[in-house]
Amino acid sequence: MKVFVTGVKGQLGFDVVNELKKRGHEAVGVDIDEMDITDRDSVNLVIQAAAPDAVIHCAAYTAVDAAEENEEVCRNVNAKGTESIAKVCRELDIPMMYISTDYVFNGQGTRPWEPDDPREPLNVYGQTKYEGELAVEENLTKYFIVRIAWVFGVNGKNFIKTMLNLGKTHDKLTVVADQTGSPTYTFDLARLLVDMIETEKYGRYHATNEGMCTWHEFACEIFKQAGMDVKVEPVSSDQYPAKAKRPANSRMNKDKLEENGFLRLPSWQDALKRYLEVVFPG
C-alpha cells in the first residue's frame, strides 16, 4: 500500500511515516518544501504524481494563540488546504484521513464528547479545523476524521518538553488546573492510524491515550516520572490569560474504536513513561 503523508516534519507525520515503513507500506512523506498545501495547483501536481492508495493528512496550522491574529493564514492551511487535498482524493477515488482536534467542540460540561456531537468551536484554530472537517465530509465518502488532543512526540515542541526545560531552571511553576483532557503520544497514535487506514471502516473517531487529567496533573506526573523536584501550583484559566479561549472539557469518548475492532491506546501515564525513556533518559 502506498500512503501519502502530509506534515512529515511534525510530531505525528514523522511517526506515521515510520509506522507505515515498519509494516512494509510505501510512505510518501511531504512537508512545506515538497508541497505547499495552501497552493491548490501544488497539491494537485504533487499528489497526482505520487499516485497513492490513500492520504493521511497530518499537516496543520496549530499555533492556537497566533491563529487569533492570523486568521486568514490559519484558514488557508486548515480549511482551504484540506479542501484541496480532499478534492484530489475524490478525483483519484482514494480514502483520506484527516487529523482533527477536540477544539471543534465548545468545551462545556463534563460529559466526554461523542464523535457525532454538534461542533461549536471556541477559537479561530478550532473553527478552521471544523471547516476542514466539513471540506472532507462534503467532498468524500471514503474518509476518516480522527480527533486527537494534547499531542506529544519525539519530533517537535510539546508540553512535556516545555515542562522539562522549565524544570531545569525553576523549582516552582504554575499550571492550569481547570482544563481536562487526555494526552496523546504520537508513537502510539501512529500505530492506530495505520491500523485504521488499512481498513474501510470510515467515519469520525476520537483517538487519545487512555485516562484523563488536567494540565496541572499532567505536569505533576511529568516531574514525578522524570525524578525532578519541582513544585507545581494549580491556577485557573482566568489567572493564565491567553489570546485564544481554551475548552475546559476536552474529554472524548473512544468507544467507537473498540466497536470497529481497533485497539485502544495505552494509558497516558504509560505513554509518558516510554516517551521519557526516549527524550529524557535518566
C-alpha atoms as a PDB file:
ATOM      1  CA  MET A   1       0.000   0.000   0.000  1.00  0.00           C
ATOM      2  CA  LYS A   2       1.309   3.442  -0.930  1.00  0.00           C
ATOM      3  CA  VAL A   3       0.309   6.148   1.548  1.00  0.00           C
ATOM      4  CA  PHE A   4       0.851   9.881   1.091  1.00  0.00           C
ATOM      5  CA  VAL A   5       1.510  11.669   4.416  1.00  0.00           C
ATOM      6  CA  THR A   6       1.466  15.452   4.902  1.00  0.00           C
ATOM      7  CA  GLY A   7       3.299  17.252   7.712  1.00  0.00           C
ATOM      8  CA  VAL A   8       6.177  14.754   7.824  1.00  0.00           C
ATOM      9  CA  LYS A   9       8.369  17.212   9.784  1.00  0.00           C
ATOM     10  CA  GLY A  10       5.776  17.445  12.566  1.00  0.00           C
ATOM     11  CA  GLN A  11       5.411  15.180  15.592  1.00  0.00           C
ATOM     12  CA  LEU A  12       2.656  12.982  14.151  1.00  0.00           C
ATOM     13  CA  GLY A  13       3.591  12.888  10.456  1.00  0.00           C
ATOM     14  CA  PHE A  14       7.098  11.771  11.416  1.00  0.00           C
ATOM     15  CA  ASP A  15       5.804   8.809  13.454  1.00  0.00           C
ATOM     16  CA  VAL A  16       3.134   7.865  10.884  1.00  0.00           C
ATOM     17  CA  VAL A  17       5.754   7.556   8.123  1.00  0.00           C
ATOM     18  CA  ASN A  18       7.932   5.398  10.404  1.00  0.00           C
ATOM     19  CA  GLU A  19       4.990   3.141  11.292  1.00  0.00           C
ATOM     20  CA  LEU A  20       3.997   2.699   7.644  1.00  0.00           C
ATOM     21  CA  LYS A  21       7.552   1.733   6.695  1.00  0.00           C
ATOM     22  CA  LYS A  22       7.761  -0.676   9.650  1.00  0.00           C
ATOM     23  CA  ARG A  23       4.790  -2.560   8.210  1.00  0.00           C
ATOM     24  CA  GLY A  24       6.188  -2.716   4.709  1.00  0.00           C
ATOM     25  CA  HIS A  25       3.972   0.004   3.220  1.00  0.00           C
ATOM     26  CA  GLU A  26       5.394   2.634   0.908  1.00  0.00           C
ATOM     27  CA  ALA A  27       5.235   6.059   2.588  1.00  0.00           C
ATOM     28  CA  VAL A  28       5.496   9.303   0.650  1.00  0.00           C
ATOM     29  CA  GLY A  29       6.072  11.990   3.289  1.00  0.00           C
ATOM     30  CA  VAL A  30       5.898  15.667   2.369  1.00  0.00           C
ATOM     31  CA  ASP A  31       6.133  18.981   4.167  1.00  0.00           C
ATOM     32  CA  ILE A  32       6.075  22.643   3.075  1.00  0.00           C
ATOM     33  CA  ASP A  33       9.270  22.245   0.986  1.00  0.00           C
ATOM     34  CA  GLU A  34       7.734  19.497  -1.145  1.00  0.00           C
ATOM     35  CA  MET A  35       4.103  20.662  -1.249  1.00  0.00           C
ATOM     36  CA  ASP A  36       2.511  23.951  -0.210  1.00  0.00           C
ATOM     37  CA  ILE A  37      -0.983  22.900   0.845  1.00  0.00           C
ATOM     38  CA  THR A  38      -2.222  26.478   0.510  1.00  0.00           C
ATOM     39  CA  ASP A  39      -1.481  26.259  -3.228  1.00  0.00           C
ATOM     40  CA  ARG A  40      -4.157  24.170  -4.965  1.00  0.00           C
ATOM     41  CA  ASP A  41      -2.001  23.599  -8.055  1.00  0.00           C
ATOM     42  CA  SER A  42       0.887  22.362  -5.933  1.00  0.00           C
ATOM     43  CA  VAL A  43      -1.436  19.967  -4.078  1.00  0.00           C
ATOM     44  CA  ASN A  44      -2.833  18.634  -7.364  1.00  0.00           C
ATOM     45  CA  LEU A  45       0.531  18.138  -9.007  1.00  0.00           C
ATOM     46  CA  VAL A  46       2.335  16.525  -6.083  1.00  0.00           C
ATOM     47  CA  ILE A  47      -0.417  14.097  -5.021  1.00  0.00           C
ATOM     48  CA  GLN A  48      -1.316  13.143  -8.589  1.00  0.00           C
ATOM     49  CA  ALA A  49       2.362  12.475  -9.349  1.00  0.00           C
ATOM     50  CA  ALA A  50       2.714  10.305  -6.240  1.00  0.00           C
ATOM     51  CA  ALA A  51      -0.410   8.294  -7.208  1.00  0.00           C
ATOM     52  CA  PRO A  52      -1.010   6.986  -3.664  1.00  0.00           C
ATOM     53  CA  ASP A  53      -3.599   4.463  -2.460  1.00  0.00           C
ATOM     54  CA  ALA A  54      -4.540   6.723   0.480  1.00  0.00           C
ATOM     55  CA  VAL A  55      -3.693  10.073   2.101  1.00  0.00           C
ATOM     56  CA  ILE A  56      -3.082  10.729   5.814  1.00  0.00           C
ATOM     57  CA  HIS A  57      -3.288  14.489   6.285  1.00  0.00           C
ATOM     58  CA  CYS A  58      -1.323  15.450   9.423  1.00  0.00           C
ATOM     59  CA  ALA A  59      -0.176  18.941   8.380  1.00  0.00           C
ATOM     60  CA  ALA A  60      -1.927  21.830  10.133  1.00  0.00           C
ATOM     61  CA  TYR A  61      -1.552  25.345  11.458  1.00  0.00           C
ATOM     62  CA  THR A  62      -1.556  24.604  15.202  1.00  0.00           C
ATOM     63  CA  ALA A  63      -0.352  27.846  16.845  1.00  0.00           C
ATOM     64  CA  VAL A  64      -3.618  28.365  18.730  1.00  0.00           C
ATOM     65  CA  ASP A  65      -2.953  31.854  20.123  1.00  0.00           C
ATOM     66  CA  ALA A  66      -1.218  33.146  16.989  1.00  0.00           C
ATOM     67  CA  ALA A  67      -4.229  31.979  14.948  1.00  0.00           C
ATOM     68  CA  GLU A  68      -6.367  34.670  16.615  1.00  0.00           C
ATOM     69  CA  GLU A  69      -4.287  37.326  14.837  1.00  0.00           C
ATOM     70  CA  ASN A  70      -3.542  35.310  11.690  1.00  0.00           C
ATOM     71  CA  GLU A  71      -6.985  34.004  10.836  1.00  0.00           C
ATOM     72  CA  GLU A  72      -6.523  34.062   7.065  1.00  0.00           C
ATOM     73  CA  VAL A  73      -3.202  32.191   7.194  1.00  0.00           C
ATOM     74  CA  CYS A  74      -4.678  29.627   9.581  1.00  0.00           C
ATOM     75  CA  ARG A  75      -7.788  29.134   7.384  1.00  0.00           C
ATOM     76  CA  ASN A  76      -5.702  28.784   4.227  1.00  0.00           C
ATOM     77  CA  VAL A  77      -3.861  25.852   5.793  1.00  0.00           C
ATOM     78  CA  ASN A  78      -6.510  24.115   7.923  1.00  0.00           C
ATOM     79  CA  ALA A  79      -9.627  24.640   5.813  1.00  0.00           C
ATOM     80  CA  LYS A  80      -8.726  25.536   2.232  1.00  0.00           C
ATOM     81  CA  GLY A  81      -5.633  23.337   2.144  1.00  0.00           C
ATOM     82  CA  THR A  82      -7.634  20.406   3.465  1.00  0.00           C
ATOM     83  CA  GLU A  83     -10.334  21.051   0.860  1.00  0.00           C
ATOM     84  CA  SER A  84      -7.711  20.952  -1.930  1.00  0.00           C
ATOM     85  CA  ILE A  85      -6.425  17.596  -0.680  1.00  0.00           C
ATOM     86  CA  ALA A  86      -9.973  16.208  -0.351  1.00  0.00           C
ATOM     87  CA  LYS A  87     -10.736  17.187  -3.950  1.00  0.00           C
ATOM     88  CA  VAL A  88      -7.653  15.378  -5.268  1.00  0.00           C
ATOM     89  CA  CYS A  89      -8.591  12.294  -3.219  1.00  0.00           C
ATOM     90  CA  ARG A  90     -12.080  12.423  -4.763  1.00  0.00           C
ATOM     91  CA  GLU A  91     -10.576  12.649  -8.238  1.00  0.00           C
ATOM     92  CA  LEU A  92      -8.260   9.708  -7.582  1.00  0.00           C
ATOM     93  CA  ASP A  93     -11.052   7.811  -5.748  1.00  0.00           C
ATOM     94  CA  ILE A  94      -8.837   7.116  -2.728  1.00  0.00           C
ATOM     95  CA  PRO A  95      -9.553   7.362   1.019  1.00  0.00           C
ATOM     96  CA  MET A  96      -8.391  10.340   3.053  1.00  0.00           C
ATOM     97  CA  MET A  97      -7.632  10.508   6.756  1.00  0.00           C
ATOM     98  CA  TYR A  98      -7.917  13.985   8.278  1.00  0.00           C
ATOM     99  CA  ILE A  99      -6.401  14.606  11.694  1.00  0.00           C
ATOM    100  CA  SER A 100      -8.649  16.947  13.641  1.00  0.00           C
ATOM    101  CA  THR A 101      -8.961  18.169  17.224  1.00  0.00           C
ATOM    102  CA  ASP A 102     -11.034  18.355  20.402  1.00  0.00           C
ATOM    103  CA  TYR A 103     -11.118  22.127  19.738  1.00  0.00           C
ATOM    104  CA  VAL A 104     -14.049  21.664  17.331  1.00  0.00           C
ATOM    105  CA  PHE A 105     -16.274  21.360  20.447  1.00  0.00           C
ATOM    106  CA  ASN A 106     -17.342  24.155  22.804  1.00  0.00           C
ATOM    107  CA  GLY A 107     -15.555  22.647  25.809  1.00  0.00           C
ATOM    108  CA  GLN A 108     -18.529  22.914  28.169  1.00  0.00           C
ATOM    109  CA  GLY A 109     -19.884  20.368  30.656  1.00  0.00           C
ATOM    110  CA  THR A 110     -18.109  17.249  31.881  1.00  0.00           C
ATOM    111  CA  ARG A 111     -19.532  14.549  29.595  1.00  0.00           C
ATOM    112  CA  PRO A 112     -16.996  13.085  27.159  1.00  0.00           C
ATOM    113  CA  TRP A 113     -17.634  14.264  23.607  1.00  0.00           C
ATOM    114  CA  GLU A 114     -19.072  11.734  21.157  1.00  0.00           C
ATOM    115  CA  PRO A 115     -17.710  11.640  17.574  1.00  0.00           C
ATOM    116  CA  ASP A 116     -21.042  12.859  16.173  1.00  0.00           C
ATOM    117  CA  ASP A 117     -21.744  15.599  18.750  1.00  0.00           C
ATOM    118  CA  PRO A 118     -22.501  19.114  17.424  1.00  0.00           C
ATOM    119  CA  ARG A 119     -19.395  21.151  16.681  1.00  0.00           C
ATOM    120  CA  GLU A 120     -19.162  24.654  18.159  1.00  0.00           C
ATOM    121  CA  PRO A 121     -15.542  25.841  18.182  1.00  0.00           C
ATOM    122  CA  LEU A 122     -14.378  28.459  20.700  1.00  0.00           C
ATOM    123  CA  ASN A 123     -11.476  29.927  18.767  1.00  0.00           C
ATOM    124  CA  VAL A 124     -10.049  30.517  15.276  1.00  0.00           C
ATOM    125  CA  TYR A 125      -7.936  27.360  15.320  1.00  0.00           C
ATOM    126  CA  GLY A 126     -10.954  25.216  16.261  1.00  0.00           C
ATOM    127  CA  GLN A 127     -13.156  26.955  13.685  1.00  0.00           C
ATOM    128  CA  THR A 128     -10.692  26.355  10.838  1.00  0.00           C
ATOM    129  CA  LYS A 129     -10.234  22.706  11.815  1.00  0.00           C
ATOM    130  CA  TYR A 130     -14.030  22.355  11.844  1.00  0.00           C
ATOM    131  CA  GLU A 131     -14.144  23.875   8.355  1.00  0.00           C
ATOM    132  CA  GLY A 132     -11.518  21.309   7.351  1.00  0.00           C
ATOM    133  CA  GLU A 133     -13.792  18.532   8.640  1.00  0.00           C
ATOM    134  CA  LEU A 134     -16.676  19.912   6.585  1.00  0.00           C
ATOM    135  CA  ALA A 135     -14.482  20.055   3.457  1.00  0.00           C
ATOM    136  CA  VAL A 136     -13.655  16.356   3.886  1.00  0.00           C
ATOM    137  CA  GLU A 137     -17.273  15.356   4.560  1.00  0.00           C
ATOM    138  CA  GLU A 138     -18.642  17.368   1.637  1.00  0.00           C
ATOM    139  CA  ASN A 139     -16.150  16.046  -0.932  1.00  0.00           C
ATOM    140  CA  LEU A 140     -15.649  12.423   0.062  1.00  0.00           C
ATOM    141  CA  THR A 141     -17.454   9.279   1.162  1.00  0.00           C
ATOM    142  CA  LYS A 142     -14.260   7.330   1.893  1.00  0.00           C
ATOM    143  CA  TYR A 143     -12.809   9.300   4.789  1.00  0.00           C
ATOM    144  CA  PHE A 144     -11.620   9.065   8.372  1.00  0.00           C
ATOM    145  CA  ILE A 145     -11.822  12.125  10.614  1.00  0.00           C
ATOM    146  CA  VAL A 146      -9.703  11.382  13.671  1.00  0.00           C
ATOM    147  CA  ARG A 147      -9.823  13.904  16.521  1.00  0.00           C
ATOM    148  CA  ILE A 148      -6.826  13.975  18.821  1.00  0.00           C
ATOM    149  CA  ALA A 149      -5.745  16.142  21.771  1.00  0.00           C
ATOM    150  CA  TRP A 150      -2.779  17.188  23.912  1.00  0.00           C
ATOM    151  CA  VAL A 151      -0.243  15.714  21.498  1.00  0.00           C
ATOM    152  CA  PHE A 152       3.365  14.880  22.314  1.00  0.00           C
ATOM    153  CA  GLY A 153       6.022  13.219  20.170  1.00  0.00           C
ATOM    154  CA  VAL A 154       9.770  12.994  19.779  1.00  0.00           C
ATOM    155  CA  ASN A 155       9.908  15.222  16.706  1.00  0.00           C
ATOM    156  CA  GLY A 156       8.877  18.756  17.714  1.00  0.00           C
ATOM    157  CA  LYS A 157       7.770  21.001  20.557  1.00  0.00           C
ATOM    158  CA  ASN A 158       5.194  19.930  23.130  1.00  0.00           C
ATOM    159  CA  PHE A 159       4.023  20.426  26.722  1.00  0.00           C
ATOM    160  CA  ILE A 160       6.326  17.756  28.169  1.00  0.00           C
ATOM    161  CA  LYS A 161       9.472  19.256  26.635  1.00  0.00           C
ATOM    162  CA  THR A 162       8.375  22.717  27.815  1.00  0.00           C
ATOM    163  CA  MET A 163       7.887  21.448  31.400  1.00  0.00           C
ATOM    164  CA  LEU A 164      11.220  19.602  31.435  1.00  0.00           C
ATOM    165  CA  ASN A 165      13.051  22.703  30.192  1.00  0.00           C
ATOM    166  CA  LEU A 166      11.321  24.964  32.722  1.00  0.00           C
ATOM    167  CA  GLY A 167      12.015  22.439  35.474  1.00  0.00           C
ATOM    168  CA  LYS A 168      15.747  22.813  34.898  1.00  0.00           C
ATOM    169  CA  THR A 169      15.652  26.499  35.845  1.00  0.00           C
ATOM    170  CA  HIS A 170      12.615  26.734  38.186  1.00  0.00           C
ATOM    171  CA  ASP A 171      11.778  24.923  41.414  1.00  0.00           C
ATOM    172  CA  LYS A 172       8.186  26.179  41.315  1.00  0.00           C
ATOM    173  CA  LEU A 173       5.728  26.531  38.400  1.00  0.00           C
ATOM    174  CA  THR A 174       2.058  27.383  37.950  1.00  0.00           C
ATOM    175  CA  VAL A 175      -0.069  25.268  35.602  1.00  0.00           C
ATOM    176  CA  VAL A 176      -3.743  25.465  34.654  1.00  0.00           C
ATOM    177  CA  ALA A 177      -5.921  23.054  36.642  1.00  0.00           C
ATOM    178  CA  ASP A 178      -9.417  23.640  35.196  1.00  0.00           C
ATOM    179  CA  GLN A 179      -8.986  22.095  31.738  1.00  0.00           C
ATOM    180  CA  THR A 180      -9.416  18.319  31.472  1.00  0.00           C
ATOM    181  CA  GLY A 181      -8.428  16.029  28.634  1.00  0.00           C
ATOM    182  CA  SER A 182      -6.229  13.132  27.554  1.00  0.00           C
ATOM    183  CA  PRO A 183      -2.599  13.341  26.431  1.00  0.00           C
ATOM    184  CA  THR A 184      -1.755  11.588  23.143  1.00  0.00           C
ATOM    185  CA  TYR A 185       1.633  10.046  22.311  1.00  0.00           C
ATOM    186  CA  THR A 186       2.204  10.220  18.555  1.00  0.00           C
ATOM    187  CA  PHE A 187       4.127   6.916  18.591  1.00  0.00           C
ATOM    188  CA  ASP A 188       1.012   5.116  19.896  1.00  0.00           C
ATOM    189  CA  LEU A 189      -1.359   7.147  17.745  1.00  0.00           C
ATOM    190  CA  ALA A 190       0.593   6.383  14.557  1.00  0.00           C
ATOM    191  CA  ARG A 191       0.057   2.662  15.132  1.00  0.00           C
ATOM    192  CA  LEU A 192      -3.686   3.181  15.438  1.00  0.00           C
ATOM    193  CA  LEU A 193      -3.900   5.447  12.380  1.00  0.00           C
ATOM    194  CA  VAL A 194      -2.127   2.868  10.227  1.00  0.00           C
ATOM    195  CA  ASP A 195      -4.435   0.152  11.631  1.00  0.00           C
ATOM    196  CA  MET A 196      -7.352   2.314  10.500  1.00  0.00           C
ATOM    197  CA  ILE A 197      -6.076   3.244   7.025  1.00  0.00           C
ATOM    198  CA  GLU A 198      -5.621  -0.478   6.323  1.00  0.00           C
ATOM    199  CA  THR A 199      -9.421  -0.879   6.628  1.00  0.00           C
ATOM    200  CA  GLU A 200     -12.551   0.631   5.102  1.00  0.00           C
ATOM    201  CA  LYS A 201     -14.172   1.409   8.463  1.00  0.00           C
ATOM    202  CA  TYR A 202     -14.693   5.059   7.564  1.00  0.00           C
ATOM    203  CA  GLY A 203     -16.202   7.774   9.752  1.00  0.00           C
ATOM    204  CA  ARG A 204     -15.441  10.123  12.640  1.00  0.00           C
ATOM    205  CA  TYR A 205     -13.337   8.823  15.510  1.00  0.00           C
ATOM    206  CA  HIS A 206     -11.695  10.051  18.689  1.00  0.00           C
ATOM    207  CA  ALA A 207      -8.199   8.813  19.486  1.00  0.00           C
ATOM    208  CA  THR A 208      -6.100   9.669  22.544  1.00  0.00           C
ATOM    209  CA  ASN A 209      -4.236   7.654  25.151  1.00  0.00           C
ATOM    210  CA  GLU A 210      -6.485   6.190  27.849  1.00  0.00           C
ATOM    211  CA  GLY A 211      -7.257   8.094  31.038  1.00  0.00           C
ATOM    212  CA  MET A 212      -7.851  11.771  31.738  1.00  0.00           C
ATOM    213  CA  CYS A 213      -6.127  14.537  33.662  1.00  0.00           C
ATOM    214  CA  THR A 214      -5.822  18.294  33.978  1.00  0.00           C
ATOM    215  CA  TRP A 215      -2.763  20.118  32.667  1.00  0.00           C
ATOM    216  CA  HIS A 216      -1.717  20.528  36.313  1.00  0.00           C
ATOM    217  CA  GLU A 217      -1.967  16.781  36.958  1.00  0.00           C
ATOM    218  CA  PHE A 218      -0.089  16.114  33.713  1.00  0.00           C
ATOM    219  CA  ALA A 219       2.737  18.445  34.801  1.00  0.00           C
ATOM    220  CA  CYS A 220       2.938  16.819  38.259  1.00  0.00           C
ATOM    221  CA  GLU A 221       3.222  13.360  36.684  1.00  0.00           C
ATOM    222  CA  ILE A 222       5.900  14.559  34.248  1.00  0.00           C
ATOM    223  CA  PHE A 223       8.130  15.795  37.083  1.00  0.00           C
ATOM    224  CA  LYS A 224       7.403  12.738  39.215  1.00  0.00           C
ATOM    225  CA  GLN A 225       8.399  10.326  36.438  1.00  0.00           C
ATOM    226  CA  ALA A 226      11.407  12.442  35.451  1.00  0.00           C
ATOM    227  CA  GLY A 227      12.576  12.486  39.078  1.00  0.00           C
ATOM    228  CA  MET A 228      12.638  16.295  39.208  1.00  0.00           C
ATOM    229  CA  ASP A 229      11.830  18.173  42.394  1.00  0.00           C
ATOM    230  CA  VAL A 230       9.561  20.897  41.044  1.00  0.00           C
ATOM    231  CA  LYS A 231       6.535  22.215  42.919  1.00  0.00           C
ATOM    232  CA  VAL A 232       3.548  22.728  40.611  1.00  0.00           C
ATOM    233  CA  GLU A 233       0.893  25.183  41.802  1.00  0.00           C
ATOM    234  CA  PRO A 234      -2.619  24.859  40.301  1.00  0.00           C
ATOM    235  CA  VAL A 235      -4.127  28.009  38.761  1.00  0.00           C
ATOM    236  CA  SER A 236      -7.362  28.765  36.905  1.00  0.00           C
ATOM    237  CA  SER A 237      -7.512  29.644  33.215  1.00  0.00           C
ATOM    238  CA  ASP A 238      -8.512  33.176  34.268  1.00  0.00           C
ATOM    239  CA  GLN A 239      -5.176  33.545  36.075  1.00  0.00           C
ATOM    240  CA  TYR A 240      -3.319  32.440  32.951  1.00  0.00           C
ATOM    241  CA  PRO A 241      -4.694  34.675  30.208  1.00  0.00           C
ATOM    242  CA  ALA A 242      -4.218  33.607  26.593  1.00  0.00           C
ATOM    243  CA  LYS A 243      -5.376  35.167  23.324  1.00  0.00           C
ATOM    244  CA  ALA A 244      -7.448  32.113  22.363  1.00  0.00           C
ATOM    245  CA  LYS A 245     -10.167  30.691  24.607  1.00  0.00           C
ATOM    246  CA  ARG A 246      -9.440  27.061  25.555  1.00  0.00           C
ATOM    247  CA  PRO A 247     -12.042  24.335  26.139  1.00  0.00           C
ATOM    248  CA  ALA A 248     -12.426  23.342  29.803  1.00  0.00           C
ATOM    249  CA  ASN A 249     -13.764  19.936  28.775  1.00  0.00           C
ATOM    250  CA  SER A 250     -11.648  18.056  26.244  1.00  0.00           C
ATOM    251  CA  ARG A 251     -12.804  14.602  27.347  1.00  0.00           C
ATOM    252  CA  MET A 252     -13.520  12.435  24.289  1.00  0.00           C
ATOM    253  CA  ASN A 253     -15.379   9.131  24.092  1.00  0.00           C
ATOM    254  CA  LYS A 254     -13.332   6.492  22.255  1.00  0.00           C
ATOM    255  CA  ASP A 255     -15.774   3.554  22.382  1.00  0.00           C
ATOM    256  CA  LYS A 256     -16.165   3.692  18.604  1.00  0.00           C
ATOM    257  CA  LEU A 257     -12.582   2.451  18.215  1.00  0.00           C
ATOM    258  CA  GLU A 258     -13.378  -0.800  20.024  1.00  0.00           C
ATOM    259  CA  GLU A 259     -16.754  -1.122  18.309  1.00  0.00           C
ATOM    260  CA  ASN A 260     -14.901  -1.190  14.972  1.00  0.00           C
ATOM    261  CA  GLY A 261     -12.233  -3.639  16.085  1.00  0.00           C
ATOM    262  CA  PHE A 262      -9.415  -1.170  16.756  1.00  0.00           C
ATOM    263  CA  LEU A 263      -7.172  -1.428  19.809  1.00  0.00           C
ATOM    264  CA  ARG A 264      -7.357   1.458  22.267  1.00  0.00           C
ATOM    265  CA  LEU A 265      -4.107   3.217  23.103  1.00  0.00           C
ATOM    266  CA  PRO A 266      -2.264   2.519  26.387  1.00  0.00           C
ATOM    267  CA  SER A 267      -2.743   4.788  29.414  1.00  0.00           C
ATOM    268  CA  TRP A 268      -1.254   8.266  29.166  1.00  0.00           C
ATOM    269  CA  GLN A 269       0.941   7.544  32.210  1.00  0.00           C
ATOM    270  CA  ASP A 270       2.416   4.506  30.443  1.00  0.00           C
ATOM    271  CA  ALA A 271       2.895   6.549  27.261  1.00  0.00           C
ATOM    272  CA  LEU A 272       4.646   9.280  29.253  1.00  0.00           C
ATOM    273  CA  LYS A 273       6.996   6.713  30.836  1.00  0.00           C
ATOM    274  CA  ARG A 274       8.012   5.333  27.428  1.00  0.00           C
ATOM    275  CA  TYR A 275       8.342   8.826  25.969  1.00  0.00           C
ATOM    276  CA  LEU A 276      10.634   9.993  28.783  1.00  0.00           C
ATOM    277  CA  GLU A 277      12.867   6.957  28.222  1.00  0.00           C
ATOM    278  CA  VAL A 278      13.466   8.333  24.712  1.00  0.00           C
ATOM    279  CA  VAL A 279      13.727  12.095  25.298  1.00  0.00           C
ATOM    280  CA  PHE A 280      14.881  12.241  28.945  1.00  0.00           C
ATOM    281  CA  PRO A 281      16.982   9.160  29.660  1.00  0.00           C
ATOM    282  CA  GLY A 282      17.836   9.414  33.329  1.00  0.00           C
END
